[in-house]
Amino acid sequence: MGSQWEDKSKPHLNIVFIGHVDHGKSTTVGRLLLDSGHIEQHII
């Protein structure tokens, strides 16, 4: 049984965020997850 995030119709993509401390890496990832529907607003 696959996970709820597993979608075989779309290609798998690994993304890496590299940057200095306090330059918004976590904020960017959080926003991407929120905008893509993979996380709910109250979690953030």
PDB file of N, CA and C in Angstrom:
ATOM      1  N   MET A   1       0.851  -1.182   0.000  1.00  0.00           N
ATOM      2  CA  MET A   1       0.000   0.000   0.000  1.00  0.00           C
ATOM      3  C   MET A   1       0.892   1.239   0.000  1.00  0.00           C
ATOM      4  N   GLY A   2       0.674   2.163  -0.942  1.00  0.00           N
ATOM      5  CA  GLY A   2       1.476   3.378  -1.049  1.00  0.00           C
ATOM      6  C   GLY A   2       1.036   4.437  -0.053  1.00  0.00           C
ATOM      7  N   SER A   3       1.901   5.378   0.165  1.00  0.00           N
ATOM      8  CA  SER A   3       1.572   6.469   1.076  1.00  0.00           C
ATOM      9  C   SER A   3       0.644   7.457   0.377  1.00  0.00           C
ATOM     10  N   GLN A   4       0.037   8.350   1.153  1.00  0.00           N
ATOM     11  CA  GLN A   4      -0.880   9.330   0.583  1.00  0.00           C
ATOM     12  C   GLN A   4      -0.153  10.342  -0.301  1.00  0.00           C
ATOM     13  N   TRP A   5       1.166  10.479  -0.139  1.00  0.00           N
ATOM     14  CA  TRP A   5       1.937  11.448  -0.925  1.00  0.00           C
ATOM     15  C   TRP A   5       2.469  10.825  -2.208  1.00  0.00           C
ATOM     16  N   GLU A   6       2.376   9.522  -2.319  1.00  0.00           N
ATOM     17  CA  GLU A   6       2.933   8.833  -3.472  1.00  0.00           C
ATOM     18  C   GLU A   6       1.983   8.953  -4.660  1.00  0.00           C
ATOM     19  N   ASP A   7       2.447   9.565  -5.723  1.00  0.00           N
ATOM     20  CA  ASP A   7       1.644   9.753  -6.926  1.00  0.00           C
ATOM     21  C   ASP A   7       2.476   9.290  -8.112  1.00  0.00           C
ATOM     22  N   LYS A   8       2.169   8.116  -8.617  1.00  0.00           N
ATOM     23  CA  LYS A   8       2.965   7.520  -9.692  1.00  0.00           C
ATOM     24  C   LYS A   8       2.767   8.228 -11.032  1.00  0.00           C
ATOM     25  N   SER A   9       1.762   9.097 -11.156  1.00  0.00           N
ATOM     26  CA  SER A   9       1.532   9.782 -12.423  1.00  0.00           C
ATOM     27  C   SER A   9       2.492  10.952 -12.631  1.00  0.00           C
ATOM     28  N   LYS A  10       3.195  11.361 -11.579  1.00  0.00           N
ATOM     29  CA  LYS A  10       4.143  12.472 -11.674  1.00  0.00           C
ATOM     30  C   LYS A  10       5.547  11.965 -11.366  1.00  0.00           C
ATOM     31  N   PRO A  11       6.560  12.542 -12.022  1.00  0.00           N
ATOM     32  CA  PRO A  11       7.939  12.106 -11.749  1.00  0.00           C
ATOM     33  C   PRO A  11       8.395  12.524 -10.355  1.00  0.00           C
ATOM     34  N   HIS A  12       9.272  11.728  -9.783  1.00  0.00           N
ATOM     35  CA  HIS A  12       9.845  12.022  -8.472  1.00  0.00           C
ATOM     36  C   HIS A  12      10.876  13.130  -8.631  1.00  0.00           C
ATOM     37  N   LEU A  13      10.925  14.062  -7.695  1.00  0.00           N
ATOM     38  CA  LEU A  13      11.845  15.187  -7.787  1.00  0.00           C
ATOM     39  C   LEU A  13      12.472  15.443  -6.427  1.00  0.00           C
ATOM     40  N   ASN A  14      13.779  15.460  -6.373  1.00  0.00           N
ATOM     41  CA  ASN A  14      14.501  15.829  -5.157  1.00  0.00           C
ATOM     42  C   ASN A  14      14.968  17.267  -5.299  1.00  0.00           C
ATOM     43  N   ILE A  15      14.723  18.077  -4.276  1.00  0.00           N
ATOM     44  CA  ILE A  15      15.127  19.479  -4.291  1.00  0.00           C
ATOM     45  C   ILE A  15      16.003  19.734  -3.075  1.00  0.00           C
ATOM     46  N   VAL A  16      17.076  20.468  -3.262  1.00  0.00           N
ATOM     47  CA  VAL A  16      17.992  20.812  -2.179  1.00  0.00           C
ATOM     48  C   VAL A  16      18.032  22.327  -2.048  1.00  0.00           C
ATOM     49  N   PHE A  17      17.907  22.819  -0.824  1.00  0.00           N
ATOM     50  CA  PHE A  17      18.023  24.245  -0.546  1.00  0.00           C
ATOM     51  C   PHE A  17      19.305  24.471   0.237  1.00  0.00           C
ATOM     52  N   ILE A  18      20.170  25.280  -0.314  1.00  0.00           N
ATOM     53  CA  ILE A  18      21.450  25.581   0.320  1.00  0.00           C
ATOM     54  C   ILE A  18      21.518  27.088   0.535  1.00  0.00           C
ATOM     55  N   GLY A  19      21.956  27.491   1.713  1.00  0.00           N
ATOM     56  CA  GLY A  19      22.106  28.920   1.977  1.00  0.00           C
ATOM     57  C   GLY A  19      22.688  29.150   3.352  1.00  0.00           C
ATOM     58  N   HIS A  20      23.035  30.382   3.589  1.00  0.00           N
ATOM     59  CA  HIS A  20      23.597  30.770   4.875  1.00  0.00           C
ATOM     60  C   HIS A  20      22.518  30.743   5.957  1.00  0.00           C
ATOM     61  N   VAL A  21      22.944  30.785   7.192  1.00  0.00           N
ATOM     62  CA  VAL A  21      22.043  30.823   8.339  1.00  0.00           C
ATOM     63  C   VAL A  21      21.155  32.068   8.240  1.00  0.00           C
ATOM     64  N   ASP A  22      19.892  31.912   8.596  1.00  0.00           N
ATOM     65  CA  ASP A  22      18.923  33.019   8.635  1.00  0.00           C
ATOM     66  C   ASP A  22      18.678  33.680   7.280  1.00  0.00           C
ATOM     67  N   HIS A  23      18.679  32.882   6.217  1.00  0.00           N
ATOM     68  CA  HIS A  23      18.370  33.429   4.901  1.00  0.00           C
ATOM     69  C   HIS A  23      17.077  32.861   4.318  1.00  0.00           C
ATOM     70  N   GLY A  24      16.229  32.236   5.148  1.00  0.00           N
ATOM     71  CA  GLY A  24      14.882  31.873   4.730  1.00  0.00           C
ATOM     72  C   GLY A  24      14.688  30.511   4.090  1.00  0.00           C
ATOM     73  N   LYS A  25      15.604  29.584   4.312  1.00  0.00           N
ATOM     74  CA  LYS A  25      15.456  28.246   3.719  1.00  0.00           C
ATOM     75  C   LYS A  25      14.217  27.543   4.257  1.00  0.00           C
ATOM     76  N   SER A  26      14.060  27.511   5.539  1.00  0.00           N
ATOM     77  CA  SER A  26      12.904  26.832   6.141  1.00  0.00           C
ATOM     78  C   SER A  26      11.599  27.532   5.787  1.00  0.00           C
ATOM     79  N   THR A  27      11.621  28.841   5.747  1.00  0.00           N
ATOM     80  CA  THR A  27      10.434  29.605   5.367  1.00  0.00           C
ATOM     81  C   THR A  27      10.031  29.290   3.935  1.00  0.00           C
ATOM     82  N   THR A  28      11.001  29.209   3.047  1.00  0.00           N
ATOM     83  CA  THR A  28      10.734  28.893   1.645  1.00  0.00           C
ATOM     84  C   THR A  28      10.136  27.500   1.496  1.00  0.00           C
ATOM     85  N   VAL A  29      10.717  26.524   2.178  1.00  0.00           N
ATOM     86  CA  VAL A  29      10.209  25.154   2.103  1.00  0.00           C
ATOM     87  C   VAL A  29       8.808  25.080   2.703  1.00  0.00           C
ATOM     88  N   GLY A  30       8.590  25.737   3.826  1.00  0.00           N
ATOM     89  CA  GLY A  30       7.266  25.762   4.438  1.00  0.00           C
ATOM     90  C   GLY A  30       6.220  26.353   3.512  1.00  0.00           C
ATOM     91  N   ARG A  31       6.590  27.426   2.835  1.00  0.00           N
ATOM     92  CA  ARG A  31       5.657  28.067   1.904  1.00  0.00           C
ATOM     93  C   ARG A  31       5.351  27.169   0.711  1.00  0.00           C
ATOM     94  N   LEU A  32       6.373  26.490   0.198  1.00  0.00           N
ATOM     95  CA  LEU A  32       6.161  25.555  -0.910  1.00  0.00           C
ATOM     96  C   LEU A  32       5.217  24.423  -0.505  1.00  0.00           C
ATOM     97  N   LEU A  33       5.411  23.890   0.702  1.00  0.00           N
ATOM     98  CA  LEU A  33       4.534  22.819   1.184  1.00  0.00           C
ATOM     99  C   LEU A  33       3.104  23.317   1.362  1.00  0.00           C
ATOM    100  N   LEU A  34       2.950  24.526   1.889  1.00  0.00           N
ATOM    101  CA  LEU A  34       1.624  25.111   2.083  1.00  0.00           C
ATOM    102  C   LEU A  34       0.941  25.353   0.741  1.00  0.00           C
ATOM    103  N   ASP A  35       1.637  25.984  -0.186  1.00  0.00           N
ATOM    104  CA  ASP A  35       1.052  26.308  -1.490  1.00  0.00           C
ATOM    105  C   ASP A  35       0.726  25.070  -2.317  1.00  0.00           C
ATOM    106  N   SER A  36       1.476  23.993  -2.114  1.00  0.00           N
ATOM    107  CA  SER A  36       1.232  22.770  -2.877  1.00  0.00           C
ATOM    108  C   SER A  36       0.181  21.873  -2.218  1.00  0.00           C
ATOM    109  N   GLY A  37      -0.296  22.254  -1.033  1.00  0.00           N
ATOM    110  CA  GLY A  37      -1.340  21.489  -0.365  1.00  0.00           C
ATOM    111  C   GLY A  37      -0.843  20.302   0.436  1.00  0.00           C
ATOM    112  N   HIS A  38       0.457  20.222   0.694  1.00  0.00           N
ATOM    113  CA  HIS A  38       1.013  19.098   1.442  1.00  0.00           C
ATOM    114  C   HIS A  38       1.066  19.345   2.950  1.00  0.00           C
ATOM    115  N   ILE A  39       0.693  20.541   3.373  1.00  0.00           N
ATOM    116  CA  ILE A  39       0.670  20.869   4.797  1.00  0.00           C
ATOM    117  C   ILE A  39      -0.440  21.899   5.013  1.00  0.00           C
ATOM    118  N   GLU A  40      -1.048  21.884   6.179  1.00  0.00           N
ATOM    119  CA  GLU A  40      -2.146  22.802   6.462  1.00  0.00           C
ATOM    120  C   GLU A  40      -1.630  24.057   7.161  1.00  0.00           C
ATOM    121  N   GLN A  41      -2.375  25.147   7.011  1.00  0.00           N
ATOM    122  CA  GLN A  41      -1.980  26.448   7.556  1.00  0.00           C
ATOM    123  C   GLN A  41      -1.727  26.393   9.058  1.00  0.00           C
ATOM    124  N   HIS A  42      -2.558  25.674   9.810  1.00  0.00           N
ATOM    125  CA  HIS A  42      -2.400  25.660  11.266  1.00  0.00           C
ATOM    126  C   HIS A  42      -1.120  24.945  11.708  1.00  0.00           C
ATOM    127  N   ILE A  43      -0.547  24.117  10.851  1.00  0.00           N
ATOM    128  CA  ILE A  43       0.717  23.452  11.166  1.00  0.00           C
ATOM    129  C   ILE A  43       1.850  24.470  11.181  1.00  0.00           C
ATOM    130  N   ILE A  44       1.795  25.394  10.232  1.00  0.00           N
ATOM    131  CA  ILE A  44       2.831  26.419  10.129  1.00  0.00           C
ATOM    132  C   ILE A  44       2.583  27.450  11.193  1.00  0.00           C
TER     133      ILE A  44
END
